[in-house]
PDB file of N, CA and C in Angstrom:
ATOM      1  N   MET A   1      98.964 118.164 111.018  1.00  0.00           N
ATOM      2  CA  MET A   1     100.237 118.432 110.515  1.00  0.00           C
ATOM      3  C   MET A   1     100.509 117.073 109.709  1.00  0.00           C
ATOM      4  N   THR A   2     100.898 116.991 108.363  1.00  0.00           N
ATOM      5  CA  THR A   2     101.100 116.052 107.807  1.00  0.00           C
ATOM      6  C   THR A   2     102.518 115.972 106.998  1.00  0.00           C
ATOM      7  N   LEU A   3     103.239 115.010 106.852  1.00  0.00           N
ATOM      8  CA  LEU A   3     104.233 115.032 106.137  1.00  0.00           C
ATOM      9  C   LEU A   3     104.396 115.115 104.733  1.00  0.00           C
ATOM     10  N   GLU A   4     105.252 115.158 103.711  1.00  0.00           N
ATOM     11  CA  GLU A   4     105.457 115.146 102.380  1.00  0.00           C
ATOM     12  C   GLU A   4     104.506 114.022 101.885  1.00  0.00           C
ATOM     13  N   ASP A   5     104.911 112.693 102.525  1.00  0.00           N
ATOM     14  CA  ASP A   5     104.295 111.662 101.490  1.00  0.00           C
ATOM     15  C   ASP A   5     102.630 111.325 101.968  1.00  0.00           C
ATOM     16  N   GLY A   6     102.283 112.100 102.792  1.00  0.00           N
ATOM     17  CA  GLY A   6     100.789 111.903 103.428  1.00  0.00           C
ATOM     18  C   GLY A   6     100.729 111.547 104.561  1.00  0.00           C
ATOM     19  N   MET A   7     101.646 111.072 105.239  1.00  0.00           N
ATOM     20  CA  MET A   7     101.531 110.365 106.856  1.00  0.00           C
ATOM     21  C   MET A   7     101.388 111.442 107.620  1.00  0.00           C
ATOM     22  N   SER A   8     100.387 111.227 108.722  1.00  0.00           N
ATOM     23  CA  SER A   8      99.936 112.192 109.540  1.00  0.00           C
ATOM     24  C   SER A   8     100.927 112.245 110.826  1.00  0.00           C
ATOM     25  N   THR A   9     101.097 113.205 111.622  1.00  0.00           N
ATOM     26  CA  THR A   9     102.188 113.097 112.535  1.00  0.00           C
ATOM     27  C   THR A   9     101.355 113.098 113.835  1.00  0.00           C
ATOM     28  N   GLN A  10      99.835 113.147 113.823  1.00  0.00           N
ATOM     29  CA  GLN A  10      99.042 113.050 114.906  1.00  0.00           C
ATOM     30  C   GLN A  10      99.112 111.660 115.726  1.00  0.00           C
ATOM     31  N   PHE A  11      99.331 111.605 117.063  1.00  0.00           N
ATOM     32  CA  PHE A  11      99.219 110.216 117.606  1.00  0.00           C
ATOM     33  C   PHE A  11      98.364 109.984 118.348  1.00  0.00           C
ATOM     34  N   ASP A  12      97.665 108.738 118.201  1.00  0.00           N
ATOM     35  CA  ASP A  12      96.548 108.205 118.796  1.00  0.00           C
ATOM     36  C   ASP A  12      96.942 106.965 119.772  1.00  0.00           C
ATOM     37  N   ASP A  13      96.289 106.827 120.889  1.00  0.00           N
ATOM     38  CA  ASP A  13      96.621 105.895 121.979  1.00  0.00           C
ATOM     39  C   ASP A  13      95.978 104.193 121.496  1.00  0.00           C
ATOM     40  N   ASP A  14      94.808 104.585 120.227  1.00  0.00           N
ATOM     41  CA  ASP A  14      94.197 103.326 120.118  1.00  0.00           C
ATOM     42  C   ASP A  14      95.111 102.552 119.058  1.00  0.00           C
ATOM     43  N   VAL A  15      96.073 102.533 118.765  1.00  0.00           N
ATOM     44  CA  VAL A  15      96.690 102.066 117.736  1.00  0.00           C
ATOM     45  C   VAL A  15      97.511 100.604 118.066  1.00  0.00           C
ATOM     46  N   ASP A  16      97.193  99.861 118.805  1.00  0.00           N
ATOM     47  CA  ASP A  16      97.870  98.571 119.465  1.00  0.00           C
ATOM     48  C   ASP A  16      97.509  97.535 118.775  1.00  0.00           C
ATOM     49  N   ILE A  17      97.919  96.919 117.875  1.00  0.00           N
ATOM     50  CA  ILE A  17      97.603  95.619 116.962  1.00  0.00           C
ATOM     51  C   ILE A  17      97.352  94.735 118.232  1.00  0.00           C
ATOM     52  N   MET A  18      98.474  94.390 119.092  1.00  0.00           N
ATOM     53  CA  MET A  18      98.331  93.344 120.110  1.00  0.00           C
ATOM     54  C   MET A  18      98.953  93.893 121.202  1.00  0.00           C
ATOM     55  N   GLU A  19      98.397  93.231 122.364  1.00  0.00           N
ATOM     56  CA  GLU A  19      99.211  93.618 123.640  1.00  0.00           C
ATOM     57  C   GLU A  19     100.573  93.279 123.715  1.00  0.00           C
ATOM     58  N   THR A  20     100.620  92.086 123.203  1.00  0.00           N
ATOM     59  CA  THR A  20     102.183  91.365 123.251  1.00  0.00           C
ATOM     60  C   THR A  20     102.399  90.919 122.058  1.00  0.00           C
ATOM     61  N   PRO A  21     103.611  91.380 121.530  1.00  0.00           N
ATOM     62  CA  PRO A  21     104.002  91.003 120.161  1.00  0.00           C
ATOM     63  C   PRO A  21     104.450  89.420 120.067  1.00  0.00           C
ATOM     64  N   TYR A  22     104.634  89.163 118.672  1.00  0.00           N
ATOM     65  CA  TYR A  22     104.762  87.508 118.522  1.00  0.00           C
ATOM     66  C   TYR A  22     106.206  87.465 119.086  1.00  0.00           C
ATOM     67  N   ALA A  23     106.659  85.847 119.501  1.00  0.00           N
ATOM     68  CA  ALA A  23     107.600  85.392 120.115  1.00  0.00           C
ATOM     69  C   ALA A  23     108.830  85.972 119.588  1.00  0.00           C
ATOM     70  N   GLU A  24     110.097  86.011 119.954  1.00  0.00           N
ATOM     71  CA  GLU A  24     111.300  86.392 119.583  1.00  0.00           C
ATOM     72  C   GLU A  24     111.672  85.397 118.338  1.00  0.00           C
ATOM     73  N   GLY A  25     112.170  86.027 117.278  1.00  0.00           N
ATOM     74  CA  GLY A  25     112.445  85.203 116.159  1.00  0.00           C
ATOM     75  C   GLY A  25     111.288  84.912 115.190  1.00  0.00           C
ATOM     76  N   THR A  26     110.219  85.369 115.289  1.00  0.00           N
ATOM     77  CA  THR A  26     109.150  85.305 114.515  1.00  0.00           C
ATOM     78  C   THR A  26     108.680  86.665 113.853  1.00  0.00           C
ATOM     79  N   ASN A  27     108.061  86.254 112.795  1.00  0.00           N
ATOM     80  CA  ASN A  27     107.758  87.669 111.990  1.00  0.00           C
ATOM     81  C   ASN A  27     106.120  87.253 111.568  1.00  0.00           C
ATOM     82  N   PRO A  28     105.329  88.008 111.941  1.00  0.00           N
ATOM     83  CA  PRO A  28     103.908  87.677 110.921  1.00  0.00           C
ATOM     84  C   PRO A  28     103.989  88.254 109.798  1.00  0.00           C
ATOM     85  N   THR A  29     103.311  87.479 108.855  1.00  0.00           N
ATOM     86  CA  THR A  29     103.082  87.800 107.713  1.00  0.00           C
ATOM     87  C   THR A  29     101.719  88.721 107.075  1.00  0.00           C
ATOM     88  N   ASN A  30     100.891  88.451 108.171  1.00  0.00           N
ATOM     89  CA  ASN A  30      99.989  89.508 107.690  1.00  0.00           C
ATOM     90  C   ASN A  30      99.341  90.343 109.026  1.00  0.00           C
ATOM     91  N   LEU A  31      98.687  91.460 108.809  1.00  0.00           N
ATOM     92  CA  LEU A  31      98.211  92.226 109.782  1.00  0.00           C
ATOM     93  C   LEU A  31      96.867  91.716 110.233  1.00  0.00           C
ATOM     94  N   PRO A  32      96.300  91.674 111.496  1.00  0.00           N
ATOM     95  CA  PRO A  32      94.696  91.334 111.737  1.00  0.00           C
ATOM     96  C   PRO A  32      93.733  92.090 110.762  1.00  0.00           C
ATOM     97  N   PHE A  33      92.677  91.168 109.928  1.00  0.00           N
ATOM     98  CA  PHE A  33      92.073  91.947 109.087  1.00  0.00           C
ATOM     99  C   PHE A  33      91.273  93.220 109.903  1.00  0.00           C
ATOM    100  N   SER A  34      90.961  93.202 110.843  1.00  0.00           N
ATOM    101  CA  SER A  34      90.213  94.328 111.602  1.00  0.00           C
ATOM    102  C   SER A  34      91.194  95.766 111.511  1.00  0.00           C
ATOM    103  N   PHE A  35      92.471  95.278 111.801  1.00  0.00           N
ATOM    104  CA  PHE A  35      93.154  96.604 112.035  1.00  0.00           C
ATOM    105  C   PHE A  35      93.474  96.951 110.657  1.00  0.00           C
ATOM    106  N   ALA A  36      93.555  96.126 109.766  1.00  0.00           N
ATOM    107  CA  ALA A  36      94.249  96.500 108.298  1.00  0.00           C
ATOM    108  C   ALA A  36      92.756  97.160 107.641  1.00  0.00           C
ATOM    109  N   SER A  37      91.777  96.900 107.633  1.00  0.00           N
ATOM    110  CA  SER A  37      90.783  97.488 107.181  1.00  0.00           C
ATOM    111  C   SER A  37      90.227  98.510 107.883  1.00  0.00           C
ATOM    112  N   GLU A  38      90.213  98.946 109.371  1.00  0.00           N
ATOM    113  CA  GLU A  38      90.329 100.130 110.075  1.00  0.00           C
ATOM    114  C   GLU A  38      90.818 101.245 109.977  1.00  0.00           C
ATOM    115  N   LYS A  39      92.379 100.819 109.636  1.00  0.00           N
ATOM    116  CA  LYS A  39      93.415 101.558 109.568  1.00  0.00           C
ATOM    117  C   LYS A  39      93.709 102.169 108.290  1.00  0.00           C
ATOM    118  N   GLY A  40      93.346 101.312 107.124  1.00  0.00           N
ATOM    119  CA  GLY A  40      93.544 101.494 105.739  1.00  0.00           C
ATOM    120  C   GLY A  40      94.877 101.207 105.412  1.00  0.00           C
ATOM    121  N   VAL A  41      95.365  99.915 105.848  1.00  0.00           N
ATOM    122  CA  VAL A  41      96.914  99.668 105.649  1.00  0.00           C
ATOM    123  C   VAL A  41      96.404  98.043 105.218  1.00  0.00           C
ATOM    124  N   LEU A  42      97.646  97.423 104.424  1.00  0.00           N
ATOM    125  CA  LEU A  42      97.715  96.212 103.962  1.00  0.00           C
ATOM    126  C   LEU A  42      99.112  95.814 103.756  1.00  0.00           C
ATOM    127  N   PHE A  43      99.466  94.842 104.658  1.00  0.00           N
ATOM    128  CA  PHE A  43     101.102  94.353 104.522  1.00  0.00           C
ATOM    129  C   PHE A  43     101.017  93.305 103.718  1.00  0.00           C
ATOM    130  N   LYS A  44     101.958  93.155 102.824  1.00  0.00           N
ATOM    131  CA  LYS A  44     102.189  92.039 102.032  1.00  0.00           C
ATOM    132  C   LYS A  44     103.382  91.809 101.545  1.00  0.00           C
ATOM    133  N   ARG A  45     103.894  90.530 101.458  1.00  0.00           N
ATOM    134  CA  ARG A  45     105.205  90.301 100.792  1.00  0.00           C
ATOM    135  C   ARG A  45     105.035  89.551  99.292  1.00  0.00           C
ATOM    136  N   GLU A  46     105.635  90.211  98.751  1.00  0.00           N
ATOM    137  CA  GLU A  46     105.633  89.739  97.045  1.00  0.00           C
ATOM    138  C   GLU A  46     106.768  89.551  96.680  1.00  0.00           C
ATOM    139  N   LYS A  47     107.148  88.230  95.982  1.00  0.00           N
ATOM    140  CA  LYS A  47     108.267  88.178  95.802  1.00  0.00           C
ATOM    141  C   LYS A  47     109.597  87.934  96.856  1.00  0.00           C
ATOM    142  N   GLY A  48     109.234  87.863  98.146  1.00  0.00           N
ATOM    143  CA  GLY A  48     110.030  88.002  99.172  1.00  0.00           C
ATOM    144  C   GLY A  48     110.400  89.543  99.735  1.00  0.00           C
ATOM    145  N   GLU A  49     109.466  90.534  98.838  1.00  0.00           N
ATOM    146  CA  GLU A  49     109.808  91.918  99.067  1.00  0.00           C
ATOM    147  C   GLU A  49     108.429  92.492  99.915  1.00  0.00           C
ATOM    148  N   PRO A  50     108.655  92.635 101.473  1.00  0.00           N
ATOM    149  CA  PRO A  50     107.747  93.512 102.091  1.00  0.00           C
ATOM    150  C   PRO A  50     107.252  94.877 101.712  1.00  0.00           C
ATOM    151  N   CYS A  51     105.862  94.698 101.563  1.00  0.00           N
ATOM    152  CA  CYS A  51     105.442  96.501 101.448  1.00  0.00           C
ATOM    153  C   CYS A  51     104.198  96.591 102.268  1.00  0.00           C
ATOM    154  N   LEU A  52     104.048  97.832 102.839  1.00  0.00           N
ATOM    155  CA  LEU A  52     102.740  98.098 103.129  1.00  0.00           C
ATOM    156  C   LEU A  52     102.086  99.060 102.344  1.00  0.00           C
ATOM    157  N   TYR A  53     101.156  98.493 102.086  1.00  0.00           N
ATOM    158  CA  TYR A  53     100.180  99.455 101.124  1.00  0.00           C
ATOM    159  C   TYR A  53      99.227 100.406 101.861  1.00  0.00           C
ATOM    160  N   TYR A  54      98.787 101.386 101.624  1.00  0.00           N
ATOM    161  CA  TYR A  54      97.914 102.472 102.564  1.00  0.00           C
ATOM    162  C   TYR A  54      97.150 103.216 101.566  1.00  0.00           C
ATOM    163  N   LYS A  55      95.801 103.602 102.119  1.00  0.00           N
ATOM    164  CA  LYS A  55      95.171 104.444 101.196  1.00  0.00           C
ATOM    165  C   LYS A  55      95.137 105.843 101.760  1.00  0.00           C
ATOM    166  N   ASP A  56      94.599 106.919 100.979  1.00  0.00           N
ATOM    167  CA  ASP A  56      94.492 108.059 101.965  1.00  0.00           C
ATOM    168  C   ASP A  56      95.874 108.726 102.306  1.00  0.00           C
ATOM    169  N   SER A  57      95.965 108.523 103.681  1.00  0.00           N
ATOM    170  CA  SER A  57      96.952 108.922 104.379  1.00  0.00           C
ATOM    171  C   SER A  57      97.455 108.015 105.550  1.00  0.00           C
ATOM    172  N   LEU A  58      98.603 107.807 105.978  1.00  0.00           N
ATOM    173  CA  LEU A  58      99.390 107.063 106.784  1.00  0.00           C
ATOM    174  C   LEU A  58      99.505 107.652 107.551  1.00  0.00           C
ATOM    175  N   GLU A  59      99.280 107.424 109.013  1.00  0.00           N
ATOM    176  CA  GLU A  59      99.346 107.920 110.481  1.00  0.00           C
ATOM    177  C   GLU A  59     100.530 107.422 110.790  1.00  0.00           C
ATOM    178  N   LEU A  60     101.402 108.278 111.381  1.00  0.00           N
ATOM    179  CA  LEU A  60     102.618 107.772 111.773  1.00  0.00           C
ATOM    180  C   LEU A  60     102.319 106.857 113.036  1.00  0.00           C
ATOM    181  N   ASN A  61     101.674 107.007 113.959  1.00  0.00           N
ATOM    182  CA  ASN A  61     101.464 106.026 114.763  1.00  0.00           C
ATOM    183  C   ASN A  61     100.982 104.617 114.058  1.00  0.00           C
ATOM    184  N   THR A  62     100.327 104.531 113.110  1.00  0.00           N
ATOM    185  CA  THR A  62      99.835 103.496 112.537  1.00  0.00           C
ATOM    186  C   THR A  62     101.156 102.554 111.646  1.00  0.00           C
ATOM    187  N   LEU A  63     101.822 103.450 111.413  1.00  0.00           N
ATOM    188  CA  LEU A  63     103.295 102.729 110.680  1.00  0.00           C
ATOM    189  C   LEU A  63     104.312 102.574 111.772  1.00  0.00           C
ATOM    190  N   VAL A  64     104.331 103.303 112.961  1.00  0.00           N
ATOM    191  CA  VAL A  64     105.148 102.651 113.972  1.00  0.00           C
ATOM    192  C   VAL A  64     104.554 101.164 114.516  1.00  0.00           C
ATOM    193  N   GLU A  65     103.195 101.145 114.634  1.00  0.00           N
ATOM    194  CA  GLU A  65     102.703 100.041 115.448  1.00  0.00           C
ATOM    195  C   GLU A  65     102.782  98.775 114.209  1.00  0.00           C
ATOM    196  N   VAL A  66     102.542  98.996 112.945  1.00  0.00           N
ATOM    197  CA  VAL A  66     102.783  98.101 111.814  1.00  0.00           C
ATOM    198  C   VAL A  66     104.411  97.415 112.026  1.00  0.00           C
ATOM    199  N   ARG A  67     105.190  98.264 112.199  1.00  0.00           N
ATOM    200  CA  ARG A  67     106.703  98.070 112.336  1.00  0.00           C
ATOM    201  C   ARG A  67     107.019  97.254 113.523  1.00  0.00           C
ATOM    202  N   ARG A  68     106.372  97.700 114.700  1.00  0.00           N
ATOM    203  CA  ARG A  68     106.652  96.982 115.925  1.00  0.00           C
ATOM    204  C   ARG A  68     106.021  95.334 115.508  1.00  0.00           C
ATOM    205  N   TYR A  69     104.819  95.255 115.054  1.00  0.00           N
ATOM    206  CA  TYR A  69     104.167  93.942 114.960  1.00  0.00           C
ATOM    207  C   TYR A  69     104.701  93.169 113.888  1.00  0.00           C
ATOM    208  N   ILE A  70     105.168  93.782 112.888  1.00  0.00           N
ATOM    209  CA  ILE A  70     105.748  92.903 111.518  1.00  0.00           C
ATOM    210  C   ILE A  70     107.207  92.837 112.074  1.00  0.00           C
ATOM    211  N   ARG A  71     107.842  93.503 112.624  1.00  0.00           N
ATOM    212  CA  ARG A  71     109.558  93.171 113.255  1.00  0.00           C
ATOM    213  C   ARG A  71     110.541  92.904 112.012  1.00  0.00           C
ATOM    214  N   ASP A  72     110.201  93.932 110.866  1.00  0.00           N
ATOM    215  CA  ASP A  72     110.881  93.963 110.002  1.00  0.00           C
ATOM    216  C   ASP A  72     110.899  95.161 109.040  1.00  0.00           C
ATOM    217  N   THR A  73     111.718  95.407 108.211  1.00  0.00           N
ATOM    218  CA  THR A  73     111.873  96.786 107.370  1.00  0.00           C
ATOM    219  C   THR A  73     110.749  96.584 106.044  1.00  0.00           C
ATOM    220  N   PHE A  74     110.309  97.436 105.606  1.00  0.00           N
ATOM    221  CA  PHE A  74     109.046  97.543 104.341  1.00  0.00           C
ATOM    222  C   PHE A  74     109.374  98.736 103.745  1.00  0.00           C
ATOM    223  N   ARG A  75     108.931  98.760 102.619  1.00  0.00           N
ATOM    224  CA  ARG A  75     108.651 100.052 101.928  1.00  0.00           C
ATOM    225  C   ARG A  75     107.080 100.400 101.690  1.00  0.00           C
ATOM    226  N   THR A  76     107.047 101.608 101.504  1.00  0.00           N
ATOM    227  CA  THR A  76     105.285 101.821 101.555  1.00  0.00           C
ATOM    228  C   THR A  76     104.731 102.289 100.285  1.00  0.00           C
ATOM    229  N   GLU A  77     103.515 102.085 100.162  1.00  0.00           N
ATOM    230  CA  GLU A  77     103.239 102.476  98.705  1.00  0.00           C
ATOM    231  C   GLU A  77     101.655 102.977  98.646  1.00  0.00           C
ATOM    232  N   LEU A  78     101.430 104.178  98.298  1.00  0.00           N
ATOM    233  CA  LEU A  78     100.142 104.609  98.235  1.00  0.00           C
ATOM    234  C   LEU A  78      99.238 104.012  97.146  1.00  0.00           C
ATOM    235  N   LEU A  79      98.101 103.738  97.523  1.00  0.00           N
ATOM    236  CA  LEU A  79      97.178 103.025  96.730  1.00  0.00           C
ATOM    237  C   LEU A  79      95.495 104.065  96.447  1.00  0.00           C
ATOM    238  N   ASP A  80      95.103 104.063  95.460  1.00  0.00           N
ATOM    239  CA  ASP A  80      94.075 104.867  95.317  1.00  0.00           C
ATOM    240  C   ASP A  80      92.782 104.013  96.047  1.00  0.00           C
ATOM    241  N   ASP A  81      91.614 104.449  96.562  1.00  0.00           N
ATOM    242  CA  ASP A  81      90.783 103.613  97.492  1.00  0.00           C
ATOM    243  C   ASP A  81      90.147 102.482  96.598  1.00  0.00           C
ATOM    244  N   ASP A  82      89.870 102.693  95.320  1.00  0.00           N
ATOM    245  CA  ASP A  82      89.270 101.425  94.668  1.00  0.00           C
ATOM    246  C   ASP A  82      90.261 100.357  94.437  1.00  0.00           C
ATOM    247  N   GLU A  83      91.675 100.544  94.104  1.00  0.00           N
ATOM    248  CA  GLU A  83      92.827  99.476  94.183  1.00  0.00           C
ATOM    249  C   GLU A  83      93.189  98.988  95.625  1.00  0.00           C
ATOM    250  N   PHE A  84      92.874 100.080  96.603  1.00  0.00           N
ATOM    251  CA  PHE A  84      93.168  99.496  97.827  1.00  0.00           C
ATOM    252  C   PHE A  84      92.238  98.470  98.347  1.00  0.00           C
ATOM    253  N   GLN A  85      90.859  98.899  98.171  1.00  0.00           N
ATOM    254  CA  GLN A  85      89.797  97.987  98.400  1.00  0.00           C
ATOM    255  C   GLN A  85      89.831  96.548  97.750  1.00  0.00           C
ATOM    256  N   ARG A  86      90.181  96.662  96.379  1.00  0.00           N
ATOM    257  CA  ARG A  86      90.404  95.315  95.590  1.00  0.00           C
ATOM    258  C   ARG A  86      91.633  94.399  96.229  1.00  0.00           C
ATOM    259  N   GLN A  87      92.782  95.027  96.598  1.00  0.00           N
ATOM    260  CA  GLN A  87      94.069  94.314  96.967  1.00  0.00           C
ATOM    261  C   GLN A  87      93.395  93.925  98.543  1.00  0.00           C
ATOM    262  N   LEU A  88      93.075  94.444  99.308  1.00  0.00           N
ATOM    263  CA  LEU A  88      92.365  94.059 100.680  1.00  0.00           C
ATOM    264  C   LEU A  88      91.558  92.924 100.566  1.00  0.00           C
ATOM    265  N   THR A  89      90.678  92.898  99.647  1.00  0.00           N
ATOM    266  CA  THR A  89      89.592  91.872  99.542  1.00  0.00           C
ATOM    267  C   THR A  89      90.345  90.755  98.869  1.00  0.00           C
ATOM    268  N   ILE A  90      91.186  90.896  97.978  1.00  0.00           N
ATOM    269  CA  ILE A  90      91.928  89.717  97.203  1.00  0.00           C
ATOM    270  C   ILE A  90      92.755  88.898  98.307  1.00  0.00           C
ATOM    271  N   HIS A  91      93.520  90.031  99.081  1.00  0.00           N
ATOM    272  CA  HIS A  91      94.548  89.334 100.083  1.00  0.00           C
ATOM    273  C   HIS A  91      93.764  88.525 100.844  1.00  0.00           C
ATOM    274  N   TYR A  92      92.846  89.174 101.759  1.00  0.00           N
ATOM    275  CA  TYR A  92      92.388  88.382 102.998  1.00  0.00           C
ATOM    276  C   TYR A  92      91.357  87.205 102.564  1.00  0.00           C
ATOM    277  N   GLN A  93      90.572  87.092 101.075  1.00  0.00           N
ATOM    278  CA  GLN A  93      89.961  86.080 100.688  1.00  0.00           C
ATOM    279  C   GLN A  93      91.070  85.032 100.445  1.00  0.00           C
ATOM    280  N   THR A  94      92.096  85.029  99.874  1.00  0.00           N
ATOM    281  CA  THR A  94      93.315  84.229  99.430  1.00  0.00           C
ATOM    282  C   THR A  94      93.926  83.589 100.511  1.00  0.00           C
ATOM    283  N   LYS A  95      93.537  84.214 101.897  1.00  0.00           N
ATOM    284  CA  LYS A  95      94.397  83.871 103.120  1.00  0.00           C
ATOM    285  C   LYS A  95      93.371  83.252 104.093  1.00  0.00           C
ATOM    286  N   GLY A  96      92.521  82.472 103.818  1.00  0.00           N
ATOM    287  CA  GLY A  96      91.359  81.974 104.442  1.00  0.00           C
ATOM    288  C   GLY A  96      90.357  82.676 104.898  1.00  0.00           C
ATOM    289  N   GLY A  97      90.203  83.706 104.100  1.00  0.00           N
ATOM    290  CA  GLY A  97      89.046  84.311 104.183  1.00  0.00           C
ATOM    291  C   GLY A  97      88.817  85.417 105.470  1.00  0.00           C
ATOM    292  N   ALA A  98      88.222  86.748 104.848  1.00  0.00           N
ATOM    293  CA  ALA A  98      88.308  87.772 105.973  1.00  0.00           C
ATOM    294  C   ALA A  98      87.679  87.496 107.277  1.00  0.00           C
ATOM    295  N   ALA A  99      86.540  86.493 107.164  1.00  0.00           N
ATOM    296  CA  ALA A  99      85.797  86.325 108.523  1.00  0.00           C
ATOM    297  C   ALA A  99      86.492  85.178 109.438  1.00  0.00           C
ATOM    298  N   GLU A 100      87.357  84.383 108.738  1.00  0.00           N
ATOM    299  CA  GLU A 100      88.241  83.626 109.329  1.00  0.00           C
ATOM    300  C   GLU A 100      89.362  84.333 110.063  1.00  0.00           C
ATOM    301  N   GLN A 101      89.969  85.276 109.170  1.00  0.00           N
ATOM    302  CA  GLN A 101      91.119  85.902 109.992  1.00  0.00           C
ATOM    303  C   GLN A 101      90.475  86.875 110.561  1.00  0.00           C
ATOM    304  N   LEU A 102      89.293  87.566 110.745  1.00  0.00           N
ATOM    305  CA  LEU A 102      88.626  88.175 112.048  1.00  0.00           C
ATOM    306  C   LEU A 102      88.456  87.388 113.124  1.00  0.00           C
ATOM    307  N   ALA A 103      88.010  86.185 112.890  1.00  0.00           N
ATOM    308  CA  ALA A 103      88.080  85.425 114.056  1.00  0.00           C
ATOM    309  C   ALA A 103      89.164  85.034 114.731  1.00  0.00           C
ATOM    310  N   ALA A 104      90.243  84.797 113.893  1.00  0.00           N
ATOM    311  CA  ALA A 104      91.775  84.470 114.387  1.00  0.00           C
ATOM    312  C   ALA A 104      92.412  85.838 115.126  1.00  0.00           C
ATOM    313  N   ASP A 105      91.905  87.074 114.685  1.00  0.00           N
ATOM    314  CA  ASP A 105      92.325  88.139 115.528  1.00  0.00           C
ATOM    315  C   ASP A 105      91.858  88.294 116.695  1.00  0.00           C
ATOM    316  N   PHE A 106      90.825  87.685 117.227  1.00  0.00           N
ATOM    317  CA  PHE A 106      90.544  87.844 118.409  1.00  0.00           C
ATOM    318  C   PHE A 106      91.231  86.732 119.479  1.00  0.00           C
ATOM    319  N   ASP A 107      91.660  85.928 118.832  1.00  0.00           N
ATOM    320  CA  ASP A 107      92.910  84.995 119.588  1.00  0.00           C
ATOM    321  C   ASP A 107      94.206  85.535 119.746  1.00  0.00           C
ATOM    322  N   ASP A 108      94.611  86.556 118.840  1.00  0.00           N
ATOM    323  CA  ASP A 108      95.760  87.439 118.902  1.00  0.00           C
ATOM    324  C   ASP A 108      95.902  88.492 120.145  1.00  0.00           C
ATOM    325  N   ASP A 109      94.688  88.366 121.095  1.00  0.00           N
ATOM    326  CA  ASP A 109      94.756  89.242 122.379  1.00  0.00           C
ATOM    327  C   ASP A 109      94.868  90.814 121.755  1.00  0.00           C
ATOM    328  N   ILE A 110      94.119  91.259 120.707  1.00  0.00           N
ATOM    329  CA  ILE A 110      93.919  92.495 119.965  1.00  0.00           C
ATOM    330  C   ILE A 110      93.507  93.497 121.204  1.00  0.00           C
ATOM    331  N   ASP A 111      94.041  94.656 121.228  1.00  0.00           N
ATOM    332  CA  ASP A 111      93.507  95.582 121.845  1.00  0.00           C
ATOM    333  C   ASP A 111      93.636  96.977 120.954  1.00  0.00           C
ATOM    334  N   LEU A 112      92.560  97.307 120.268  1.00  0.00           N
ATOM    335  CA  LEU A 112      92.681  98.254 119.443  1.00  0.00           C
ATOM    336  C   LEU A 112      91.974  99.775 120.037  1.00  0.00           C
ATOM    337  N   LEU A 113      91.497  99.666 121.143  1.00  0.00           N
ATOM    338  CA  LEU A 113      90.865 100.750 121.989  1.00  0.00           C
ATOM    339  C   LEU A 113      91.827 101.126 123.063  1.00  0.00           C
ATOM    340  N   ARG A 114      93.078 100.375 123.141  1.00  0.00           N
ATOM    341  CA  ARG A 114      94.254 100.854 124.056  1.00  0.00           C
ATOM    342  C   ARG A 114      94.631 102.107 123.750  1.00  0.00           C
TER     343      ARG A 114
END
């Protein structure tokens, strides 16, 4: 079953970005690259406006996990596959590189198989 805007209502138990969220009072600005790439989501703040971009459909459990991780409200926007891939590549290349981000992901105690 899907919602009008393409969000799936099916839940998975393997959508945990981190075992432990960031410390109180802090808000991460990036999703781990591995999570963003696997789930087809990209979180960006443009001119102070937080937005979660997604491709295809946005699973409800992914949305909830991003909200828990980011600890802020944000709008959502659907991108076609090509534009999403372009934005993902640009975003992580300019944020220190995807390889560095992927290595940093492991320091965040990520458990995507939970």
